[in-house]
Amino acid sequence: MRYERLSRSLIYRLLWPAVSRFLSSPTRDRRILAECRIALEEAIKGAQNPQQKDNLTYELNALAAFERSLNALEIGGLNLEKAAPRRLEIEGVTVSVRPSAHIRVSRQRGSDLHGAVVIDVAKGVDPKTDDAKARLTEGMTHSAIILHQHVVETTPEEGKPSPDHCFIFHTHRQERVAAPASYKKTYRNIEAVCRNIARSWDGIPPPANFDKKRATYRS
């Protein structure tokens, strides 16, 4: 990935903040999503080129998929709060963590439970086989474990991180994957991979067609 060739990607500039505001609103205010729909429809009308129009249409379809998936999201009774993006340092590798919302579950006995959710609104490629679907689910599980580690590092002393409340939700597949209770072994594997990346990063040889003068680097 140090020398990966980057292609244009779809960024859900209007939908992502609307989803976060909706989740963290005290009453799950559907007007937030309605306003997002209106903004997307107006943007489609004013699109300057076919690609821009297609991208906005994908975003509008993603909004519809999110609205259809609200029951499968299983957030009834949970307190969802605003969350800011954060960089998680794992064994010398910086990992970007961008929760859609933080979760807090108040309990009469014991510490409040803390978690976080990431809403994946990208349609992606539909899996054609059970093996392909299993690989996607495994990737979501790894992401949920990293999300849980973010919660571990940000939970106040009086709170308790909860793997059950750290989950990734894919709106188009309506798939919800939480961090497993036995996450520690997998997280140790993630740490080992990050150590290997950090150790070998500077020694990775560039491809033959790499032009340092034209390269763009991401922080």
N, C-alpha and C. Protein backbone atom coordinates (compact mmCIF):
# COMPACT_ATOMS: atom_id res chain seq x y z
N MET A 1 0.81 -1.21 0.00
CA MET A 1 0.00 0.00 0.00
C MET A 1 0.85 1.27 0.00
N ARG A 2 2.13 1.14 0.28
CA ARG A 2 2.97 2.34 0.28
C ARG A 2 3.01 2.98 -1.10
N TYR A 3 2.95 2.17 -2.13
CA TYR A 3 3.03 2.69 -3.50
C TYR A 3 1.75 2.36 -4.28
N GLU A 4 0.62 2.28 -3.58
CA GLU A 4 -0.62 1.91 -4.26
C GLU A 4 -1.03 3.00 -5.24
N ARG A 5 -1.64 2.56 -6.33
CA ARG A 5 -2.17 3.50 -7.31
C ARG A 5 -3.60 3.85 -6.88
N LEU A 6 -3.82 5.09 -6.53
CA LEU A 6 -5.12 5.51 -6.01
C LEU A 6 -6.07 5.86 -7.14
N SER A 7 -7.30 5.40 -7.01
CA SER A 7 -8.34 5.76 -7.98
C SER A 7 -9.37 6.64 -7.26
N ARG A 8 -10.17 7.32 -8.03
CA ARG A 8 -11.20 8.18 -7.45
C ARG A 8 -12.19 7.32 -6.65
N SER A 9 -12.57 7.80 -5.49
CA SER A 9 -13.53 7.07 -4.67
C SER A 9 -14.71 7.98 -4.35
N LEU A 10 -15.84 7.36 -4.07
CA LEU A 10 -17.05 8.10 -3.76
C LEU A 10 -17.05 8.49 -2.29
N ILE A 11 -17.15 9.78 -2.02
CA ILE A 11 -17.19 10.28 -0.65
C ILE A 11 -18.60 10.81 -0.39
N TYR A 12 -19.22 10.29 0.65
CA TYR A 12 -20.61 10.65 0.95
C TYR A 12 -20.63 11.93 1.79
N ARG A 13 -20.37 13.03 1.14
CA ARG A 13 -20.16 14.30 1.84
C ARG A 13 -21.42 14.79 2.55
N LEU A 14 -22.60 14.57 1.97
CA LEU A 14 -23.84 15.02 2.59
C LEU A 14 -24.44 13.95 3.49
N LEU A 15 -24.34 12.69 3.08
CA LEU A 15 -24.98 11.61 3.82
C LEU A 15 -24.28 11.30 5.13
N TRP A 16 -22.95 11.21 5.11
CA TRP A 16 -22.23 10.81 6.32
C TRP A 16 -22.56 11.70 7.52
N PRO A 17 -22.44 13.03 7.41
CA PRO A 17 -22.77 13.86 8.59
C PRO A 17 -24.25 13.79 8.96
N ALA A 18 -25.13 13.59 7.96
CA ALA A 18 -26.56 13.48 8.27
C ALA A 18 -26.85 12.23 9.08
N VAL A 19 -26.21 11.12 8.73
CA VAL A 19 -26.39 9.88 9.48
C VAL A 19 -25.90 10.06 10.91
N SER A 20 -24.74 10.68 11.09
CA SER A 20 -24.20 10.90 12.42
C SER A 20 -25.11 11.80 13.25
N ARG A 21 -25.62 12.87 12.64
CA ARG A 21 -26.53 13.77 13.36
C ARG A 21 -27.82 13.05 13.73
N PHE A 22 -28.33 12.24 12.81
CA PHE A 22 -29.56 11.50 13.08
C PHE A 22 -29.38 10.55 14.26
N LEU A 23 -28.29 9.79 14.25
CA LEU A 23 -28.07 8.80 15.31
C LEU A 23 -27.93 9.47 16.67
N SER A 24 -27.25 10.60 16.73
CA SER A 24 -26.99 11.26 18.01
C SER A 24 -28.09 12.22 18.43
N SER A 25 -29.11 12.41 17.60
CA SER A 25 -30.22 13.28 17.99
C SER A 25 -31.06 12.57 19.05
N PRO A 26 -31.54 13.28 20.06
CA PRO A 26 -32.24 12.64 21.18
C PRO A 26 -33.45 11.81 20.78
N THR A 27 -34.15 12.24 19.72
CA THR A 27 -35.38 11.54 19.32
C THR A 27 -35.25 10.82 17.98
N ARG A 28 -33.98 10.65 17.49
CA ARG A 28 -33.78 10.07 16.16
C ARG A 28 -34.66 10.83 15.15
N ASP A 29 -34.39 12.10 15.03
CA ASP A 29 -35.22 13.03 14.27
C ASP A 29 -35.14 12.71 12.77
N ARG A 30 -36.21 12.17 12.20
CA ARG A 30 -36.22 11.80 10.78
C ARG A 30 -36.16 13.01 9.87
N ARG A 31 -36.42 14.20 10.41
CA ARG A 31 -36.31 15.40 9.57
C ARG A 31 -34.88 15.63 9.10
N ILE A 32 -33.91 15.15 9.88
CA ILE A 32 -32.51 15.28 9.47
C ILE A 32 -32.27 14.52 8.17
N LEU A 33 -32.82 13.31 8.07
CA LEU A 33 -32.67 12.51 6.86
C LEU A 33 -33.48 13.11 5.71
N ALA A 34 -34.65 13.66 6.03
CA ALA A 34 -35.47 14.30 4.99
C ALA A 34 -34.75 15.51 4.40
N GLU A 35 -34.10 16.29 5.25
CA GLU A 35 -33.35 17.45 4.76
C GLU A 35 -32.17 17.01 3.90
N CYS A 36 -31.54 15.90 4.28
CA CYS A 36 -30.43 15.36 3.48
C CYS A 36 -30.93 14.92 2.10
N ARG A 37 -32.11 14.31 2.08
CA ARG A 37 -32.68 13.88 0.79
C ARG A 37 -32.94 15.08 -0.12
N ILE A 38 -33.50 16.13 0.45
CA ILE A 38 -33.78 17.34 -0.34
C ILE A 38 -32.48 17.94 -0.87
N ALA A 39 -31.46 17.99 -0.02
CA ALA A 39 -30.16 18.55 -0.43
C ALA A 39 -29.55 17.73 -1.56
N LEU A 40 -29.65 16.40 -1.48
CA LEU A 40 -29.10 15.54 -2.52
C LEU A 40 -29.87 15.70 -3.82
N GLU A 41 -31.19 15.78 -3.75
CA GLU A 41 -32.00 15.95 -4.95
C GLU A 41 -31.69 17.28 -5.64
N GLU A 42 -31.50 18.33 -4.83
CA GLU A 42 -31.14 19.63 -5.40
C GLU A 42 -29.75 19.58 -6.02
N ALA A 43 -28.83 18.89 -5.37
CA ALA A 43 -27.47 18.78 -5.91
C ALA A 43 -27.46 18.01 -7.22
N ILE A 44 -28.29 16.98 -7.32
CA ILE A 44 -28.39 16.21 -8.57
C ILE A 44 -28.87 17.10 -9.70
N LYS A 45 -29.86 17.93 -9.41
CA LYS A 45 -30.39 18.84 -10.44
C LYS A 45 -29.32 19.82 -10.92
N GLY A 46 -28.44 20.23 -10.01
CA GLY A 46 -27.42 21.22 -10.36
C GLY A 46 -26.09 20.61 -10.74
N ALA A 47 -26.02 19.29 -10.89
CA ALA A 47 -24.75 18.62 -11.22
C ALA A 47 -24.22 19.12 -12.56
N GLN A 48 -22.90 19.37 -12.62
CA GLN A 48 -22.28 19.94 -13.80
C GLN A 48 -21.84 18.91 -14.83
N ASN A 49 -21.70 17.65 -14.43
CA ASN A 49 -21.27 16.63 -15.37
C ASN A 49 -21.90 15.29 -14.99
N PRO A 50 -21.94 14.34 -15.93
CA PRO A 50 -22.59 13.05 -15.67
C PRO A 50 -22.00 12.28 -14.50
N GLN A 51 -20.66 12.33 -14.32
CA GLN A 51 -20.04 11.59 -13.21
C GLN A 51 -20.49 12.14 -11.87
N GLN A 52 -20.52 13.46 -11.76
CA GLN A 52 -20.98 14.08 -10.51
C GLN A 52 -22.43 13.70 -10.23
N LYS A 53 -23.25 13.70 -11.26
CA LYS A 53 -24.66 13.32 -11.10
C LYS A 53 -24.79 11.88 -10.66
N ASP A 54 -23.99 10.99 -11.26
CA ASP A 54 -24.03 9.57 -10.87
C ASP A 54 -23.61 9.40 -9.42
N ASN A 55 -22.55 10.08 -9.00
CA ASN A 55 -22.08 9.96 -7.62
C ASN A 55 -23.14 10.42 -6.62
N LEU A 56 -23.80 11.52 -6.93
CA LEU A 56 -24.85 12.02 -6.04
C LEU A 56 -26.05 11.07 -6.02
N THR A 57 -26.32 10.44 -7.15
CA THR A 57 -27.41 9.45 -7.21
C THR A 57 -27.08 8.23 -6.35
N TYR A 58 -25.82 7.79 -6.41
CA TYR A 58 -25.39 6.69 -5.53
C TYR A 58 -25.59 7.07 -4.06
N GLU A 59 -25.26 8.32 -3.75
CA GLU A 59 -25.40 8.79 -2.36
C GLU A 59 -26.87 8.82 -1.95
N LEU A 60 -27.74 9.23 -2.88
CA LEU A 60 -29.18 9.24 -2.60
C LEU A 60 -29.70 7.82 -2.38
N ASN A 61 -29.22 6.89 -3.19
CA ASN A 61 -29.62 5.49 -3.02
C ASN A 61 -29.12 4.93 -1.68
N ALA A 62 -27.93 5.38 -1.28
CA ALA A 62 -27.38 4.94 0.01
C ALA A 62 -28.23 5.46 1.17
N LEU A 63 -28.76 6.67 1.02
CA LEU A 63 -29.65 7.21 2.04
C LEU A 63 -30.90 6.35 2.16
N ALA A 64 -31.47 5.96 1.02
CA ALA A 64 -32.66 5.10 1.03
C ALA A 64 -32.35 3.76 1.70
N ALA A 65 -31.17 3.20 1.42
CA ALA A 65 -30.79 1.93 2.03
C ALA A 65 -30.66 2.07 3.54
N PHE A 66 -30.11 3.19 4.00
CA PHE A 66 -29.99 3.42 5.44
C PHE A 66 -31.35 3.50 6.09
N GLU A 67 -32.28 4.21 5.47
CA GLU A 67 -33.62 4.33 6.04
C GLU A 67 -34.32 2.98 6.10
N ARG A 68 -34.10 2.14 5.09
CA ARG A 68 -34.73 0.81 5.09
C ARG A 68 -34.14 -0.10 6.16
N SER A 69 -32.95 0.18 6.60
CA SER A 69 -32.23 -0.73 7.49
C SER A 69 -32.33 -0.35 8.96
N LEU A 70 -33.12 0.63 9.31
CA LEU A 70 -33.14 1.13 10.68
C LEU A 70 -33.56 0.07 11.69
N ASN A 71 -34.52 -0.79 11.32
CA ASN A 71 -34.93 -1.84 12.26
C ASN A 71 -33.81 -2.84 12.49
N ALA A 72 -33.10 -3.19 11.42
CA ALA A 72 -32.00 -4.16 11.54
C ALA A 72 -30.82 -3.59 12.31
N LEU A 73 -30.76 -2.28 12.44
CA LEU A 73 -29.65 -1.64 13.15
C LEU A 73 -29.68 -1.94 14.65
N GLU A 74 -30.86 -2.17 15.20
CA GLU A 74 -31.02 -2.57 16.61
C GLU A 74 -30.41 -1.55 17.58
N ILE A 75 -30.89 -0.32 17.50
CA ILE A 75 -30.38 0.72 18.41
C ILE A 75 -31.44 1.19 19.39
N GLY A 76 -32.59 0.52 19.42
CA GLY A 76 -33.64 0.90 20.35
C GLY A 76 -33.17 0.80 21.78
N GLY A 77 -33.40 1.85 22.56
CA GLY A 77 -33.01 1.85 23.96
C GLY A 77 -31.57 2.25 24.23
N LEU A 78 -30.78 2.47 23.18
CA LEU A 78 -29.39 2.86 23.37
C LEU A 78 -29.26 4.38 23.34
N ASN A 79 -28.35 4.91 24.16
CA ASN A 79 -28.02 6.33 24.10
C ASN A 79 -26.85 6.52 23.14
N LEU A 80 -27.11 7.23 22.05
CA LEU A 80 -26.06 7.48 21.06
C LEU A 80 -25.64 8.94 21.14
N GLU A 81 -24.32 9.15 21.10
CA GLU A 81 -23.76 10.48 21.28
C GLU A 81 -22.80 10.80 20.14
N LYS A 82 -22.58 12.09 19.91
CA LYS A 82 -21.69 12.52 18.84
C LYS A 82 -20.29 11.98 19.06
N ALA A 83 -19.63 11.66 17.95
CA ALA A 83 -18.27 11.12 18.02
C ALA A 83 -17.40 11.83 16.99
N ALA A 84 -16.17 12.12 17.38
CA ALA A 84 -15.23 12.77 16.47
C ALA A 84 -14.25 11.74 15.91
N PRO A 85 -13.75 11.96 14.69
CA PRO A 85 -12.71 11.06 14.15
C PRO A 85 -11.49 11.04 15.05
N ARG A 86 -10.78 9.93 15.02
CA ARG A 86 -9.62 9.80 15.89
C ARG A 86 -8.58 8.90 15.23
N ARG A 87 -7.33 9.14 15.55
CA ARG A 87 -6.24 8.28 15.06
C ARG A 87 -5.80 7.35 16.18
N LEU A 88 -5.84 6.07 15.87
CA LEU A 88 -5.45 5.04 16.83
C LEU A 88 -4.07 4.53 16.46
N GLU A 89 -3.15 4.56 17.41
CA GLU A 89 -1.78 4.09 17.17
C GLU A 89 -1.66 2.63 17.60
N ILE A 90 -1.38 1.75 16.63
CA ILE A 90 -1.23 0.33 16.92
C ILE A 90 0.17 -0.11 16.50
N GLU A 91 1.05 -0.29 17.47
CA GLU A 91 2.39 -0.82 17.21
C GLU A 91 3.12 -0.08 16.08
N GLY A 92 3.05 1.25 16.12
CA GLY A 92 3.76 2.05 15.14
C GLY A 92 2.99 2.35 13.88
N VAL A 93 1.76 1.87 13.77
CA VAL A 93 0.92 2.13 12.59
C VAL A 93 -0.27 2.99 13.02
N THR A 94 -0.52 4.06 12.27
CA THR A 94 -1.65 4.94 12.56
C THR A 94 -2.89 4.44 11.83
N VAL A 95 -3.94 4.18 12.58
CA VAL A 95 -5.19 3.69 12.01
C VAL A 95 -6.27 4.74 12.24
N SER A 96 -6.94 5.15 11.17
CA SER A 96 -8.01 6.14 11.29
C SER A 96 -9.30 5.46 11.76
N VAL A 97 -9.88 6.00 12.82
CA VAL A 97 -11.14 5.49 13.36
C VAL A 97 -12.17 6.62 13.29
N ARG A 98 -13.29 6.34 12.62
CA ARG A 98 -14.31 7.38 12.44
C ARG A 98 -15.68 6.84 12.83
N PRO A 99 -15.99 6.81 14.12
CA PRO A 99 -17.30 6.29 14.54
C PRO A 99 -18.43 7.19 14.04
N SER A 100 -19.54 6.56 13.69
CA SER A 100 -20.74 7.34 13.36
C SER A 100 -21.35 7.91 14.63
N ALA A 101 -21.21 7.19 15.73
CA ALA A 101 -21.71 7.66 17.02
C ALA A 101 -21.08 6.82 18.13
N HIS A 102 -20.99 7.40 19.31
CA HIS A 102 -20.63 6.65 20.50
C HIS A 102 -21.90 6.13 21.17
N ILE A 103 -21.76 5.03 21.88
CA ILE A 103 -22.90 4.40 22.54
C ILE A 103 -22.65 4.39 24.04
N ARG A 104 -23.69 4.71 24.80
CA ARG A 104 -23.61 4.61 26.25
C ARG A 104 -24.88 3.95 26.77
N VAL A 105 -24.71 2.93 27.59
CA VAL A 105 -25.84 2.21 28.18
C VAL A 105 -25.78 2.39 29.68
N SER A 106 -26.75 3.13 30.22
CA SER A 106 -26.79 3.38 31.66
C SER A 106 -27.32 2.14 32.38
N ARG A 107 -26.69 1.84 33.52
CA ARG A 107 -27.12 0.69 34.32
C ARG A 107 -27.32 1.11 35.77
N GLN A 108 -28.37 0.56 36.40
CA GLN A 108 -28.62 0.88 37.80
C GLN A 108 -27.54 0.29 38.70
N ARG A 109 -27.05 -0.87 38.31
CA ARG A 109 -25.98 -1.51 39.07
C ARG A 109 -24.76 -1.67 38.16
N GLY A 110 -23.63 -1.33 38.68
CA GLY A 110 -22.42 -1.45 37.89
C GLY A 110 -22.16 -0.23 37.04
N SER A 111 -21.03 -0.23 36.37
CA SER A 111 -20.62 0.91 35.53
C SER A 111 -21.45 0.97 34.26
N ASP A 112 -21.60 2.18 33.72
CA ASP A 112 -22.24 2.33 32.41
C ASP A 112 -21.40 1.64 31.35
N LEU A 113 -22.07 1.04 30.39
CA LEU A 113 -21.38 0.39 29.28
C LEU A 113 -21.12 1.41 28.17
N HIS A 114 -19.96 1.31 27.54
CA HIS A 114 -19.60 2.23 26.46
C HIS A 114 -19.26 1.44 25.20
N GLY A 115 -19.64 2.00 24.07
CA GLY A 115 -19.35 1.37 22.79
C GLY A 115 -19.37 2.41 21.68
N ALA A 116 -19.42 1.95 20.44
CA ALA A 116 -19.45 2.85 19.29
C ALA A 116 -19.97 2.07 18.09
N VAL A 117 -20.48 2.80 17.11
CA VAL A 117 -21.00 2.18 15.90
C VAL A 117 -20.43 2.89 14.68
N VAL A 118 -20.12 2.12 13.66
CA VAL A 118 -19.74 2.67 12.36
C VAL A 118 -20.78 2.20 11.35
N ILE A 119 -21.42 3.15 10.69
CA ILE A 119 -22.40 2.84 9.64
C ILE A 119 -21.68 2.87 8.30
N ASP A 120 -21.65 1.73 7.63
CA ASP A 120 -21.03 1.62 6.32
C ASP A 120 -22.12 1.76 5.27
N VAL A 121 -22.16 2.92 4.60
CA VAL A 121 -23.22 3.19 3.63
C VAL A 121 -22.82 2.84 2.20
N ALA A 122 -21.56 2.45 2.00
CA ALA A 122 -21.09 2.12 0.65
C ALA A 122 -21.65 0.77 0.22
N LYS A 123 -22.17 0.69 -0.99
CA LYS A 123 -22.76 -0.57 -1.46
C LYS A 123 -21.69 -1.64 -1.65
N GLY A 124 -20.57 -1.25 -2.26
CA GLY A 124 -19.50 -2.21 -2.49
C GLY A 124 -19.89 -3.26 -3.51
N VAL A 125 -19.18 -4.37 -3.50
CA VAL A 125 -19.42 -5.46 -4.43
C VAL A 125 -20.22 -6.55 -3.72
N ASP A 126 -21.32 -6.95 -4.31
CA ASP A 126 -22.14 -8.01 -3.71
C ASP A 126 -21.39 -9.34 -3.76
N PRO A 127 -21.29 -10.02 -2.62
CA PRO A 127 -20.59 -11.32 -2.61
C PRO A 127 -21.38 -12.37 -3.39
N LYS A 128 -20.68 -13.12 -4.24
CA LYS A 128 -21.34 -14.12 -5.08
C LYS A 128 -21.35 -15.51 -4.45
N THR A 129 -20.44 -15.75 -3.52
CA THR A 129 -20.32 -17.07 -2.91
C THR A 129 -20.32 -16.95 -1.40
N ASP A 130 -20.53 -18.07 -0.72
CA ASP A 130 -20.49 -18.07 0.73
C ASP A 130 -19.10 -17.68 1.24
N ASP A 131 -18.06 -18.13 0.52
CA ASP A 131 -16.70 -17.78 0.93
C ASP A 131 -16.46 -16.28 0.84
N ALA A 132 -16.97 -15.67 -0.24
CA ALA A 132 -16.81 -14.22 -0.40
C ALA A 132 -17.56 -13.47 0.70
N LYS A 133 -18.75 -13.94 1.03
CA LYS A 133 -19.52 -13.31 2.11
C LYS A 133 -18.81 -13.46 3.44
N ALA A 134 -18.22 -14.65 3.67
CA ALA A 134 -17.50 -14.89 4.92
C ALA A 134 -16.30 -13.96 5.05
N ARG A 135 -15.61 -13.68 3.93
CA ARG A 135 -14.46 -12.78 3.97
C ARG A 135 -14.89 -11.35 4.32
N LEU A 136 -16.03 -10.92 3.79
CA LEU A 136 -16.54 -9.60 4.12
C LEU A 136 -16.90 -9.50 5.60
N THR A 137 -17.54 -10.55 6.10
CA THR A 137 -17.91 -10.56 7.52
C THR A 137 -16.67 -10.57 8.41
N GLU A 138 -15.64 -11.31 7.98
CA GLU A 138 -14.40 -11.35 8.75
C GLU A 138 -13.76 -9.96 8.79
N GLY A 139 -13.79 -9.26 7.65
CA GLY A 139 -13.25 -7.90 7.63
C GLY A 139 -14.01 -6.97 8.55
N MET A 140 -15.33 -7.12 8.60
CA MET A 140 -16.15 -6.31 9.50
C MET A 140 -15.82 -6.64 10.95
N THR A 141 -15.56 -7.92 11.23
CA THR A 141 -15.20 -8.32 12.60
C THR A 141 -13.89 -7.66 13.04
N HIS A 142 -12.89 -7.66 12.15
CA HIS A 142 -11.63 -7.00 12.47
C HIS A 142 -11.84 -5.50 12.71
N SER A 143 -12.67 -4.88 11.89
CA SER A 143 -12.96 -3.45 12.07
C SER A 143 -13.66 -3.20 13.40
N ALA A 144 -14.58 -4.10 13.78
CA ALA A 144 -15.29 -3.95 15.06
C ALA A 144 -14.32 -4.08 16.23
N ILE A 145 -13.33 -4.95 16.11
CA ILE A 145 -12.33 -5.12 17.17
C ILE A 145 -11.48 -3.86 17.31
N ILE A 146 -11.09 -3.27 16.18
CA ILE A 146 -10.34 -2.01 16.24
C ILE A 146 -11.20 -0.90 16.82
N LEU A 147 -12.48 -0.89 16.47
CA LEU A 147 -13.41 0.09 17.04
C LEU A 147 -13.50 -0.10 18.55
N HIS A 148 -13.51 -1.34 19.00
CA HIS A 148 -13.55 -1.61 20.44
C HIS A 148 -12.30 -1.09 21.13
N GLN A 149 -11.15 -1.24 20.47
CA GLN A 149 -9.92 -0.73 21.05
C GLN A 149 -9.99 0.79 21.19
N HIS A 150 -10.57 1.45 20.21
CA HIS A 150 -10.80 2.90 20.31
C HIS A 150 -11.65 3.22 21.54
N VAL A 151 -12.69 2.42 21.77
CA VAL A 151 -13.56 2.65 22.92
C VAL A 151 -12.80 2.40 24.23
N VAL A 152 -11.98 1.35 24.24
CA VAL A 152 -11.17 1.07 25.44
C VAL A 152 -10.32 2.29 25.81
N GLU A 153 -9.75 2.96 24.81
CA GLU A 153 -8.83 4.07 25.07
C GLU A 153 -9.55 5.38 25.37
N THR A 154 -10.86 5.45 25.08
CA THR A 154 -11.59 6.71 25.27
C THR A 154 -12.66 6.63 26.36
N THR A 155 -12.92 5.45 26.88
CA THR A 155 -13.94 5.30 27.92
C THR A 155 -13.46 5.93 29.23
N PRO A 156 -14.30 6.71 29.89
CA PRO A 156 -13.89 7.29 31.18
C PRO A 156 -13.69 6.19 32.23
N GLU A 157 -12.95 6.54 33.28
CA GLU A 157 -12.58 5.55 34.29
C GLU A 157 -13.80 4.90 34.93
N GLU A 158 -14.88 5.64 35.06
CA GLU A 158 -16.07 5.10 35.73
C GLU A 158 -16.92 4.25 34.78
N GLY A 159 -16.53 4.16 33.51
CA GLY A 159 -17.29 3.38 32.53
C GLY A 159 -16.63 2.05 32.24
N LYS A 160 -17.32 1.23 31.42
CA LYS A 160 -16.82 -0.10 31.06
C LYS A 160 -16.99 -0.31 29.57
N PRO A 161 -15.90 -0.53 28.83
CA PRO A 161 -16.01 -0.83 27.40
C PRO A 161 -16.78 -2.14 27.18
N SER A 162 -17.67 -2.13 26.19
CA SER A 162 -18.51 -3.30 25.93
C SER A 162 -18.33 -3.77 24.49
N PRO A 163 -17.76 -4.96 24.28
CA PRO A 163 -17.62 -5.48 22.91
C PRO A 163 -18.97 -5.60 22.18
N ASP A 164 -20.02 -5.97 22.91
CA ASP A 164 -21.34 -6.12 22.29
C ASP A 164 -21.85 -4.82 21.70
N HIS A 165 -21.36 -3.71 22.22
CA HIS A 165 -21.84 -2.40 21.76
C HIS A 165 -20.82 -1.70 20.87
N CYS A 166 -19.87 -2.45 20.34
CA CYS A 166 -18.93 -1.94 19.34
C CYS A 166 -19.19 -2.72 18.05
N PHE A 167 -19.87 -2.11 17.11
CA PHE A 167 -20.26 -2.88 15.94
C PHE A 167 -20.22 -2.05 14.65
N ILE A 168 -20.08 -2.78 13.57
CA ILE A 168 -20.12 -2.22 12.21
C ILE A 168 -21.44 -2.63 11.59
N PHE A 169 -22.09 -1.70 10.91
CA PHE A 169 -23.37 -2.03 10.27
C PHE A 169 -23.31 -1.65 8.80
N HIS A 170 -23.50 -2.64 7.93
CA HIS A 170 -23.52 -2.42 6.48
C HIS A 170 -24.97 -2.27 6.04
N THR A 171 -25.30 -1.08 5.57
CA THR A 171 -26.71 -0.79 5.30
C THR A 171 -27.28 -1.58 4.13
N HIS A 172 -26.51 -1.75 3.06
CA HIS A 172 -27.05 -2.43 1.88
C HIS A 172 -27.27 -3.92 2.15
N ARG A 173 -26.37 -4.55 2.88
CA ARG A 173 -26.55 -5.97 3.20
C ARG A 173 -27.34 -6.17 4.50
N GLN A 174 -27.59 -5.06 5.21
CA GLN A 174 -28.25 -5.10 6.51
C GLN A 174 -27.55 -6.12 7.42
N GLU A 175 -26.24 -6.03 7.44
CA GLU A 175 -25.43 -6.94 8.25
C GLU A 175 -24.83 -6.16 9.41
N ARG A 176 -25.00 -6.72 10.60
CA ARG A 176 -24.52 -6.09 11.84
C ARG A 176 -23.50 -7.01 12.49
N VAL A 177 -22.26 -6.55 12.64
CA VAL A 177 -21.20 -7.38 13.20
C VAL A 177 -20.58 -6.65 14.38
N ALA A 178 -20.66 -7.27 15.56
CA ALA A 178 -20.09 -6.69 16.78
C ALA A 178 -18.75 -7.34 17.08
N ALA A 179 -17.96 -6.67 17.89
CA ALA A 179 -16.70 -7.25 18.32
C ALA A 179 -16.98 -8.48 19.18
N PRO A 180 -16.34 -9.60 18.92
CA PRO A 180 -16.59 -10.80 19.72
C PRO A 180 -16.05 -10.63 21.13
N ALA A 181 -16.67 -11.36 22.07
CA ALA A 181 -16.20 -11.30 23.46
C ALA A 181 -14.76 -11.79 23.56
N SER A 182 -14.40 -12.78 22.75
CA SER A 182 -13.02 -13.31 22.75
C SER A 182 -12.19 -12.61 21.67
N TYR A 183 -12.08 -11.29 21.80
CA TYR A 183 -11.43 -10.47 20.78
C TYR A 183 -9.91 -10.37 20.96
N LYS A 184 -9.42 -10.71 22.14
CA LYS A 184 -8.02 -10.39 22.47
C LYS A 184 -7.02 -11.11 21.57
N LYS A 185 -7.28 -12.38 21.24
CA LYS A 185 -6.35 -13.12 20.38
C LYS A 185 -6.28 -12.47 19.00
N THR A 186 -7.43 -12.11 18.44
CA THR A 186 -7.44 -11.47 17.12
C THR A 186 -6.74 -10.12 17.18
N TYR A 187 -6.96 -9.37 18.27
CA TYR A 187 -6.30 -8.07 18.38
C TYR A 187 -4.79 -8.23 18.49
N ARG A 188 -4.32 -9.28 19.16
CA ARG A 188 -2.87 -9.53 19.22
C ARG A 188 -2.33 -9.82 17.82
N ASN A 189 -3.12 -10.51 17.01
CA ASN A 189 -2.71 -10.76 15.62
C ASN A 189 -2.63 -9.44 14.84
N ILE A 190 -3.59 -8.55 15.07
CA ILE A 190 -3.57 -7.23 14.43
C ILE A 190 -2.32 -6.47 14.84
N GLU A 191 -1.97 -6.53 16.12
CA GLU A 191 -0.78 -5.85 16.60
C GLU A 191 0.48 -6.43 15.94
N ALA A 192 0.52 -7.76 15.78
CA ALA A 192 1.69 -8.39 15.15
C ALA A 192 1.82 -7.95 13.70
N VAL A 193 0.70 -7.87 12.98
CA VAL A 193 0.73 -7.40 11.59
C VAL A 193 1.23 -5.95 11.54
N CYS A 194 0.74 -5.12 12.45
CA CYS A 194 1.18 -3.72 12.47
C CYS A 194 2.67 -3.60 12.77
N ARG A 195 3.18 -4.44 13.65
CA ARG A 195 4.63 -4.43 13.92
C ARG A 195 5.42 -4.76 12.66
N ASN A 196 4.95 -5.75 11.90
CA ASN A 196 5.62 -6.13 10.66
C ASN A 196 5.58 -4.99 9.64
N ILE A 197 4.42 -4.31 9.57
CA ILE A 197 4.29 -3.18 8.64
C ILE A 197 5.27 -2.08 9.02
N ALA A 198 5.27 -1.72 10.32
CA ALA A 198 6.16 -0.63 10.77
C ALA A 198 7.62 -0.98 10.57
N ARG A 199 7.97 -2.25 10.79
CA ARG A 199 9.37 -2.67 10.68
C ARG A 199 9.84 -2.67 9.23
N SER A 200 8.97 -3.05 8.31
CA SER A 200 9.40 -3.23 6.92
C SER A 200 9.06 -2.05 6.01
N TRP A 201 8.33 -1.05 6.53
CA TRP A 201 7.79 0.02 5.68
C TRP A 201 8.88 0.75 4.90
N ASP A 202 9.93 1.17 5.59
CA ASP A 202 10.98 1.97 4.93
C ASP A 202 11.76 1.16 3.91
N GLY A 203 11.74 -0.16 4.04
CA GLY A 203 12.52 -0.99 3.12
C GLY A 203 11.74 -1.54 1.95
N ILE A 204 10.49 -1.13 1.80
CA ILE A 204 9.67 -1.63 0.69
C ILE A 204 10.17 -1.00 -0.61
N PRO A 205 10.61 -1.79 -1.58
CA PRO A 205 11.12 -1.20 -2.84
C PRO A 205 9.97 -0.69 -3.70
N PRO A 206 10.15 0.46 -4.36
CA PRO A 206 9.10 1.00 -5.22
C PRO A 206 8.97 0.20 -6.51
N PRO A 207 7.79 0.21 -7.14
CA PRO A 207 7.64 -0.47 -8.43
C PRO A 207 8.46 0.23 -9.51
N ALA A 208 8.66 -0.44 -10.62
CA ALA A 208 9.53 0.08 -11.68
C ALA A 208 9.03 1.41 -12.24
N ASN A 209 7.71 1.59 -12.26
CA ASN A 209 7.15 2.81 -12.87
C ASN A 209 6.91 3.93 -11.86
N PHE A 210 7.47 3.80 -10.66
CA PHE A 210 7.25 4.82 -9.63
C PHE A 210 8.06 6.07 -9.92
N ASP A 211 7.38 7.23 -9.89
CA ASP A 211 8.03 8.52 -10.12
C ASP A 211 7.89 9.36 -8.86
N LYS A 212 8.98 9.51 -8.14
CA LYS A 212 8.94 10.21 -6.85
C LYS A 212 8.46 11.65 -6.98
N LYS A 213 8.78 12.29 -8.11
CA LYS A 213 8.41 13.70 -8.29
C LYS A 213 6.89 13.87 -8.46
N ARG A 214 6.22 12.83 -8.91
CA ARG A 214 4.77 12.93 -9.15
C ARG A 214 3.95 12.26 -8.05
N ALA A 215 4.62 11.73 -7.04
CA ALA A 215 3.93 10.98 -6.00
C ALA A 215 3.19 11.92 -5.05
N THR A 216 2.06 11.46 -4.56
CA THR A 216 1.27 12.17 -3.55
C THR A 216 1.20 11.30 -2.31
N TYR A 217 1.47 11.89 -1.14
CA TYR A 217 1.51 11.11 0.09
C TYR A 217 0.35 11.50 1.00
N ARG A 218 -0.22 10.48 1.65
CA ARG A 218 -1.30 10.71 2.60
C ARG A 218 -0.77 10.62 4.01
N SER A 219 -1.22 11.52 4.89
CA SER A 219 -0.79 11.51 6.29
C SER A 219 -1.62 10.49 7.06
